[in-house]
Amino acid sequence: MNFEITGKLVVKYDTQHIKDTFKKREFVIETSEDVNGSVYTNFIKMQLVQNRCELLDRYNEGDLIKVNFGLKGNRWEKDGKTNFITNLDAWRIESASVAAGPVSTGHTVNAAPTAQAAAPVATAWGAAPTAEGGDDLPF
């Protein structure tokens, strides 16, 4: 399952060489969402792996970026206890224009607000409302 999110790049870490055959690079983006008049800010840590670590090189902290990513999870046993970990694995990064606003389709995570009023965004959980206040679902 693939997702997309837009936010401000606030931290980019150096590439870590975990093993001879595995490397990763972590970064953090900031997003905000308005929920009933209250603005909630989130700091989302993501990672790039292997040959994708270099995707972050052309961006600077403070840049607005759009990230396509997938959810990855692993389970492992340690001392008789089962542990789980979830990673947000980025696979594409592009510059996001503030003027364009957070418009996307498909599986979408709320995007950072812009200086302009944001248009309704379709999400994985439903369609964007129409101007008449309804929706465009066929049922």
N, C-alpha and C. Protein backbone atom coordinates (compact mmCIF):
# COMPACT_ATOMS: atom_id res chain seq x y z
N MET A 1 0.85 -1.16 0.00
CA MET A 1 0.00 0.00 0.00
C MET A 1 0.90 1.24 0.00
N ASN A 2 0.62 2.18 -0.88
CA ASN A 2 1.42 3.39 -1.00
C ASN A 2 0.64 4.61 -0.55
N PHE A 3 1.36 5.55 0.05
CA PHE A 3 0.78 6.77 0.57
C PHE A 3 1.57 7.96 0.06
N GLU A 4 0.99 9.15 0.25
CA GLU A 4 1.64 10.39 -0.15
C GLU A 4 1.41 11.41 0.96
N ILE A 5 2.42 12.20 1.25
CA ILE A 5 2.29 13.25 2.26
C ILE A 5 3.14 14.44 1.84
N THR A 6 2.66 15.63 2.18
CA THR A 6 3.39 16.85 1.88
C THR A 6 3.68 17.55 3.20
N GLY A 7 4.89 18.01 3.37
CA GLY A 7 5.26 18.71 4.59
C GLY A 7 6.60 19.39 4.43
N LYS A 8 7.01 20.08 5.49
CA LYS A 8 8.27 20.80 5.50
C LYS A 8 9.38 19.89 6.03
N LEU A 9 10.47 19.81 5.29
CA LEU A 9 11.62 19.02 5.73
C LEU A 9 12.28 19.77 6.89
N VAL A 10 12.28 19.16 8.09
CA VAL A 10 12.84 19.85 9.25
C VAL A 10 14.17 19.26 9.70
N VAL A 11 14.40 17.98 9.44
CA VAL A 11 15.67 17.34 9.80
C VAL A 11 16.02 16.32 8.74
N LYS A 12 17.29 16.31 8.32
CA LYS A 12 17.76 15.22 7.47
C LYS A 12 19.07 14.73 8.07
N TYR A 13 19.11 13.44 8.30
CA TYR A 13 20.25 12.80 8.94
C TYR A 13 21.21 12.25 7.90
N ASP A 14 22.42 11.97 8.32
CA ASP A 14 23.41 11.34 7.45
C ASP A 14 23.01 9.89 7.20
N THR A 15 23.50 9.34 6.11
CA THR A 15 23.26 7.93 5.79
C THR A 15 23.98 7.05 6.80
N GLN A 16 23.27 6.03 7.28
CA GLN A 16 23.85 5.06 8.21
C GLN A 16 24.10 3.76 7.47
N HIS A 17 25.31 3.22 7.60
CA HIS A 17 25.64 1.93 7.00
C HIS A 17 25.46 0.88 8.09
N ILE A 18 24.31 0.20 8.07
CA ILE A 18 23.95 -0.77 9.10
C ILE A 18 24.78 -2.04 8.94
N LYS A 19 24.87 -2.55 7.74
CA LYS A 19 25.70 -3.71 7.39
C LYS A 19 26.35 -3.40 6.06
N ASP A 20 27.22 -4.28 5.62
CA ASP A 20 27.84 -4.09 4.30
C ASP A 20 26.79 -4.08 3.19
N THR A 21 25.68 -4.74 3.43
CA THR A 21 24.66 -4.88 2.40
C THR A 21 23.42 -4.02 2.65
N PHE A 22 23.43 -3.18 3.70
CA PHE A 22 22.24 -2.40 4.01
C PHE A 22 22.62 -1.02 4.54
N LYS A 23 21.98 0.02 3.96
CA LYS A 23 22.14 1.37 4.46
C LYS A 23 20.79 2.07 4.47
N LYS A 24 20.66 3.06 5.37
CA LYS A 24 19.42 3.82 5.46
C LYS A 24 19.73 5.27 5.81
N ARG A 25 18.77 6.13 5.47
CA ARG A 25 18.89 7.54 5.80
C ARG A 25 17.53 8.01 6.29
N GLU A 26 17.51 8.58 7.48
CA GLU A 26 16.27 9.04 8.08
C GLU A 26 16.11 10.54 7.89
N PHE A 27 14.85 10.99 7.88
CA PHE A 27 14.54 12.40 7.81
C PHE A 27 13.20 12.64 8.48
N VAL A 28 12.92 13.90 8.81
CA VAL A 28 11.70 14.25 9.52
C VAL A 28 11.00 15.36 8.74
N ILE A 29 9.70 15.20 8.55
CA ILE A 29 8.90 16.26 7.96
C ILE A 29 7.86 16.73 8.96
N GLU A 30 7.51 17.99 8.86
CA GLU A 30 6.51 18.60 9.74
C GLU A 30 5.23 18.82 8.94
N THR A 31 4.14 18.38 9.51
CA THR A 31 2.82 18.62 8.91
C THR A 31 1.92 19.23 9.97
N SER A 32 0.90 19.91 9.52
CA SER A 32 -0.09 20.49 10.43
C SER A 32 -1.47 20.21 9.88
N GLU A 33 -2.41 20.04 10.78
CA GLU A 33 -3.79 19.86 10.35
C GLU A 33 -4.70 20.62 11.29
N ASP A 34 -5.76 21.15 10.73
CA ASP A 34 -6.75 21.90 11.49
C ASP A 34 -7.90 20.96 11.81
N VAL A 35 -8.12 20.74 13.10
CA VAL A 35 -9.23 19.90 13.54
C VAL A 35 -10.14 20.75 14.40
N ASN A 36 -11.29 21.10 13.83
CA ASN A 36 -12.29 21.91 14.54
C ASN A 36 -11.69 23.18 15.13
N GLY A 37 -10.87 23.88 14.36
CA GLY A 37 -10.31 25.15 14.81
C GLY A 37 -9.02 25.05 15.59
N SER A 38 -8.58 23.85 15.93
CA SER A 38 -7.31 23.67 16.62
C SER A 38 -6.29 23.11 15.65
N VAL A 39 -5.10 23.70 15.61
CA VAL A 39 -4.06 23.24 14.70
C VAL A 39 -3.15 22.28 15.45
N TYR A 40 -2.97 21.10 14.87
CA TYR A 40 -2.11 20.08 15.44
C TYR A 40 -0.91 19.88 14.53
N THR A 41 0.28 19.99 15.10
CA THR A 41 1.51 19.82 14.34
C THR A 41 2.07 18.44 14.62
N ASN A 42 2.50 17.76 13.55
CA ASN A 42 3.10 16.43 13.67
C ASN A 42 4.49 16.46 13.08
N PHE A 43 5.40 15.72 13.69
CA PHE A 43 6.75 15.54 13.18
C PHE A 43 6.88 14.07 12.84
N ILE A 44 7.01 13.78 11.55
CA ILE A 44 6.95 12.41 11.06
C ILE A 44 8.32 11.97 10.58
N LYS A 45 8.87 10.95 11.23
CA LYS A 45 10.19 10.42 10.87
C LYS A 45 10.01 9.32 9.83
N MET A 46 10.75 9.46 8.74
CA MET A 46 10.66 8.50 7.64
C MET A 46 12.08 8.04 7.32
N GLN A 47 12.17 7.05 6.44
CA GLN A 47 13.50 6.57 6.06
C GLN A 47 13.56 6.26 4.57
N LEU A 48 14.77 6.40 4.05
CA LEU A 48 15.12 5.97 2.70
C LEU A 48 16.10 4.83 2.86
N VAL A 49 16.05 3.83 2.00
CA VAL A 49 16.97 2.70 2.12
C VAL A 49 17.70 2.46 0.80
N GLN A 50 18.88 1.86 0.94
CA GLN A 50 19.72 1.44 -0.18
C GLN A 50 20.00 2.60 -1.14
N ASN A 51 19.80 2.41 -2.43
CA ASN A 51 20.16 3.43 -3.41
C ASN A 51 19.24 4.65 -3.37
N ARG A 52 18.19 4.64 -2.58
CA ARG A 52 17.30 5.79 -2.47
C ARG A 52 17.79 6.82 -1.44
N CYS A 53 18.83 6.49 -0.68
CA CYS A 53 19.36 7.41 0.33
C CYS A 53 19.75 8.75 -0.28
N GLU A 54 20.18 8.75 -1.52
CA GLU A 54 20.64 9.97 -2.18
C GLU A 54 19.49 10.88 -2.61
N LEU A 55 18.26 10.42 -2.59
CA LEU A 55 17.12 11.24 -3.01
C LEU A 55 17.01 12.53 -2.20
N LEU A 56 17.47 12.51 -0.98
CA LEU A 56 17.34 13.65 -0.08
C LEU A 56 18.41 14.71 -0.31
N ASP A 57 19.47 14.37 -1.04
CA ASP A 57 20.61 15.29 -1.21
C ASP A 57 20.22 16.63 -1.81
N ARG A 58 19.27 16.68 -2.70
CA ARG A 58 18.95 17.93 -3.39
C ARG A 58 17.99 18.83 -2.63
N TYR A 59 17.58 18.42 -1.44
CA TYR A 59 16.65 19.22 -0.64
C TYR A 59 17.33 19.73 0.62
N ASN A 60 16.89 20.91 1.06
CA ASN A 60 17.44 21.53 2.26
C ASN A 60 16.38 21.56 3.35
N GLU A 61 16.83 21.60 4.58
CA GLU A 61 15.89 21.75 5.68
C GLU A 61 15.12 23.06 5.46
N GLY A 62 13.81 23.00 5.65
CA GLY A 62 12.94 24.13 5.40
C GLY A 62 12.18 24.03 4.09
N ASP A 63 12.64 23.16 3.17
CA ASP A 63 11.95 22.98 1.89
C ASP A 63 10.63 22.25 2.08
N LEU A 64 9.64 22.62 1.28
CA LEU A 64 8.37 21.91 1.26
C LEU A 64 8.50 20.77 0.25
N ILE A 65 8.27 19.54 0.72
CA ILE A 65 8.45 18.37 -0.14
C ILE A 65 7.20 17.49 -0.11
N LYS A 66 7.06 16.72 -1.20
CA LYS A 66 6.01 15.71 -1.29
C LYS A 66 6.72 14.36 -1.28
N VAL A 67 6.30 13.47 -0.40
CA VAL A 67 6.94 12.17 -0.23
C VAL A 67 5.95 11.05 -0.52
N ASN A 68 6.34 10.14 -1.40
CA ASN A 68 5.58 8.91 -1.60
C ASN A 68 6.26 7.84 -0.75
N PHE A 69 5.47 7.07 -0.01
CA PHE A 69 6.05 6.10 0.90
C PHE A 69 5.14 4.90 1.08
N GLY A 70 5.70 3.84 1.62
CA GLY A 70 4.96 2.64 1.95
C GLY A 70 5.17 2.31 3.43
N LEU A 71 4.26 1.55 3.97
CA LEU A 71 4.37 1.08 5.35
C LEU A 71 5.03 -0.29 5.35
N LYS A 72 6.03 -0.45 6.18
CA LYS A 72 6.72 -1.73 6.32
C LYS A 72 6.73 -2.10 7.80
N GLY A 73 6.57 -3.36 8.09
CA GLY A 73 6.58 -3.80 9.48
C GLY A 73 7.29 -5.12 9.64
N ASN A 74 7.92 -5.29 10.77
CA ASN A 74 8.63 -6.53 11.09
C ASN A 74 8.30 -6.99 12.49
N ARG A 75 8.44 -8.30 12.70
CA ARG A 75 8.23 -8.91 14.01
C ARG A 75 9.49 -9.70 14.34
N TRP A 76 9.91 -9.64 15.61
CA TRP A 76 11.05 -10.44 16.03
C TRP A 76 10.89 -10.84 17.49
N GLU A 77 11.55 -11.92 17.83
CA GLU A 77 11.51 -12.46 19.20
C GLU A 77 12.81 -12.11 19.92
N LYS A 78 12.70 -11.65 21.16
CA LYS A 78 13.88 -11.39 21.99
C LYS A 78 13.51 -11.71 23.43
N ASP A 79 14.29 -12.57 24.03
CA ASP A 79 14.06 -12.99 25.42
C ASP A 79 12.64 -13.51 25.63
N GLY A 80 12.12 -14.24 24.64
CA GLY A 80 10.79 -14.84 24.75
C GLY A 80 9.64 -13.87 24.54
N LYS A 81 9.95 -12.62 24.21
CA LYS A 81 8.92 -11.62 24.00
C LYS A 81 8.88 -11.22 22.52
N THR A 82 7.66 -11.11 21.97
CA THR A 82 7.49 -10.70 20.59
C THR A 82 7.48 -9.18 20.52
N ASN A 83 8.28 -8.63 19.61
CA ASN A 83 8.37 -7.19 19.40
C ASN A 83 7.98 -6.86 17.95
N PHE A 84 7.51 -5.65 17.74
CA PHE A 84 7.11 -5.19 16.41
C PHE A 84 7.71 -3.83 16.14
N ILE A 85 8.00 -3.57 14.88
CA ILE A 85 8.48 -2.26 14.46
C ILE A 85 7.81 -1.90 13.15
N THR A 86 7.48 -0.62 12.99
CA THR A 86 6.88 -0.12 11.76
C THR A 86 7.77 0.97 11.19
N ASN A 87 8.03 0.90 9.89
CA ASN A 87 8.83 1.91 9.21
C ASN A 87 8.01 2.57 8.11
N LEU A 88 8.24 3.85 7.92
CA LEU A 88 7.67 4.59 6.80
C LEU A 88 8.78 4.71 5.77
N ASP A 89 8.74 3.84 4.76
CA ASP A 89 9.80 3.76 3.75
C ASP A 89 9.47 4.64 2.56
N ALA A 90 10.20 5.75 2.44
CA ALA A 90 10.02 6.67 1.33
C ALA A 90 10.65 6.08 0.08
N TRP A 91 10.00 6.27 -1.05
CA TRP A 91 10.56 5.77 -2.30
C TRP A 91 10.62 6.85 -3.37
N ARG A 92 9.97 8.00 -3.13
CA ARG A 92 10.09 9.13 -4.05
C ARG A 92 9.91 10.42 -3.26
N ILE A 93 10.72 11.42 -3.61
CA ILE A 93 10.61 12.75 -3.00
C ILE A 93 10.62 13.76 -4.13
N GLU A 94 9.71 14.72 -4.07
CA GLU A 94 9.70 15.81 -5.03
C GLU A 94 9.41 17.12 -4.32
N SER A 95 9.81 18.19 -4.95
CA SER A 95 9.53 19.51 -4.41
C SER A 95 8.02 19.75 -4.48
N ALA A 96 7.48 20.39 -3.47
CA ALA A 96 6.05 20.70 -3.46
C ALA A 96 5.88 22.21 -3.54
N SER A 97 5.10 22.65 -4.47
CA SER A 97 4.87 24.08 -4.66
C SER A 97 3.78 24.55 -3.70
N VAL A 98 4.05 25.60 -2.96
CA VAL A 98 3.05 26.15 -2.03
C VAL A 98 1.85 26.66 -2.81
N ALA A 99 2.09 27.22 -3.98
CA ALA A 99 1.00 27.78 -4.77
C ALA A 99 0.01 26.71 -5.23
N ALA A 100 0.50 25.50 -5.48
CA ALA A 100 -0.37 24.43 -5.97
C ALA A 100 -1.30 23.91 -4.89
N GLY A 101 -0.91 24.00 -3.63
CA GLY A 101 -1.75 23.50 -2.55
C GLY A 101 -1.67 21.99 -2.45
N PRO A 102 -2.21 21.42 -1.38
CA PRO A 102 -2.10 19.98 -1.13
C PRO A 102 -3.17 19.18 -1.84
N VAL A 103 -3.10 19.11 -3.16
CA VAL A 103 -4.10 18.37 -3.92
C VAL A 103 -3.51 17.04 -4.36
N SER A 104 -4.20 15.98 -4.07
CA SER A 104 -3.76 14.66 -4.50
C SER A 104 -4.95 13.72 -4.47
N THR A 105 -4.72 12.51 -4.98
CA THR A 105 -5.78 11.53 -5.00
C THR A 105 -5.26 10.21 -4.46
N GLY A 106 -6.14 9.27 -4.29
CA GLY A 106 -5.72 7.95 -3.82
C GLY A 106 -5.49 7.96 -2.33
N HIS A 107 -4.55 7.15 -1.88
CA HIS A 107 -4.21 7.08 -0.46
C HIS A 107 -3.44 8.33 -0.09
N THR A 108 -4.03 9.16 0.77
CA THR A 108 -3.45 10.44 1.09
C THR A 108 -3.42 10.63 2.59
N VAL A 109 -2.34 11.21 3.05
CA VAL A 109 -2.23 11.62 4.44
C VAL A 109 -2.39 13.12 4.43
N ASN A 110 -3.02 13.71 5.45
CA ASN A 110 -3.24 15.15 5.45
C ASN A 110 -1.96 15.89 5.17
N ALA A 111 -2.05 16.90 4.35
CA ALA A 111 -0.89 17.68 3.94
C ALA A 111 -0.77 18.93 4.80
N ALA A 112 0.40 19.54 4.76
CA ALA A 112 0.63 20.77 5.50
C ALA A 112 -0.21 21.89 4.91
N PRO A 113 -0.74 22.78 5.76
CA PRO A 113 -1.54 23.87 5.23
C PRO A 113 -0.64 24.85 4.48
N THR A 114 -1.24 25.57 3.56
CA THR A 114 -0.50 26.59 2.82
C THR A 114 -1.06 27.95 3.17
N ALA A 115 -0.45 28.98 2.63
CA ALA A 115 -0.92 30.34 2.87
C ALA A 115 -2.30 30.54 2.27
N GLN A 116 -2.61 29.79 1.23
CA GLN A 116 -3.93 29.87 0.60
C GLN A 116 -4.86 28.86 1.27
N ALA A 117 -6.16 29.08 1.10
CA ALA A 117 -7.11 28.10 1.63
C ALA A 117 -6.96 26.80 0.85
N ALA A 118 -6.87 25.73 1.57
CA ALA A 118 -6.69 24.43 0.92
C ALA A 118 -8.01 23.92 0.37
N ALA A 119 -7.95 23.35 -0.81
CA ALA A 119 -9.13 22.72 -1.39
C ALA A 119 -9.36 21.38 -0.70
N PRO A 120 -10.59 20.88 -0.68
CA PRO A 120 -10.82 19.56 -0.09
C PRO A 120 -9.97 18.50 -0.80
N VAL A 121 -9.47 17.57 -0.03
CA VAL A 121 -8.58 16.55 -0.56
C VAL A 121 -9.25 15.19 -0.42
N ALA A 122 -9.24 14.41 -1.49
CA ALA A 122 -9.76 13.04 -1.41
C ALA A 122 -8.78 12.22 -0.60
N THR A 123 -9.29 11.34 0.23
CA THR A 123 -8.44 10.50 1.05
C THR A 123 -8.75 9.04 0.79
N ALA A 124 -7.97 8.19 1.42
CA ALA A 124 -8.19 6.75 1.29
C ALA A 124 -9.51 6.34 1.94
N TRP A 125 -10.06 7.21 2.78
CA TRP A 125 -11.25 6.85 3.53
C TRP A 125 -12.52 7.43 2.93
N GLY A 126 -12.41 8.17 1.85
CA GLY A 126 -13.60 8.73 1.24
C GLY A 126 -13.24 9.79 0.24
N ALA A 127 -14.24 10.26 -0.46
CA ALA A 127 -14.02 11.27 -1.49
C ALA A 127 -14.14 12.65 -0.88
N ALA A 128 -13.54 13.63 -1.55
CA ALA A 128 -13.64 15.01 -1.11
C ALA A 128 -15.08 15.49 -1.31
N PRO A 129 -15.59 16.30 -0.39
CA PRO A 129 -16.95 16.81 -0.55
C PRO A 129 -17.04 17.76 -1.73
N THR A 130 -18.21 17.84 -2.34
CA THR A 130 -18.42 18.77 -3.44
C THR A 130 -18.82 20.12 -2.88
N ALA A 131 -18.91 21.12 -3.73
CA ALA A 131 -19.27 22.47 -3.30
C ALA A 131 -20.67 22.50 -2.69
N GLU A 132 -21.54 21.59 -3.09
CA GLU A 132 -22.90 21.56 -2.56
C GLU A 132 -22.97 20.92 -1.17
N GLY A 133 -21.84 20.46 -0.64
CA GLY A 133 -21.83 19.86 0.68
C GLY A 133 -22.03 18.36 0.68
N GLY A 134 -22.34 17.77 -0.46
CA GLY A 134 -22.52 16.32 -0.53
C GLY A 134 -21.22 15.67 -0.91
N ASP A 135 -21.31 14.50 -1.46
CA ASP A 135 -20.12 13.84 -1.97
C ASP A 135 -20.41 13.30 -3.36
N ASP A 136 -19.38 12.84 -4.01
CA ASP A 136 -19.57 12.37 -5.37
C ASP A 136 -19.54 10.84 -5.46
N LEU A 137 -19.84 10.17 -4.36
CA LEU A 137 -19.88 8.71 -4.36
C LEU A 137 -21.12 8.24 -5.11
N PRO A 138 -21.01 7.18 -5.89
CA PRO A 138 -22.14 6.71 -6.67
C PRO A 138 -23.19 5.93 -5.89
N PHE A 139 -23.05 5.80 -4.59
CA PHE A 139 -24.03 5.05 -3.81
C PHE A 139 -24.43 5.80 -2.58
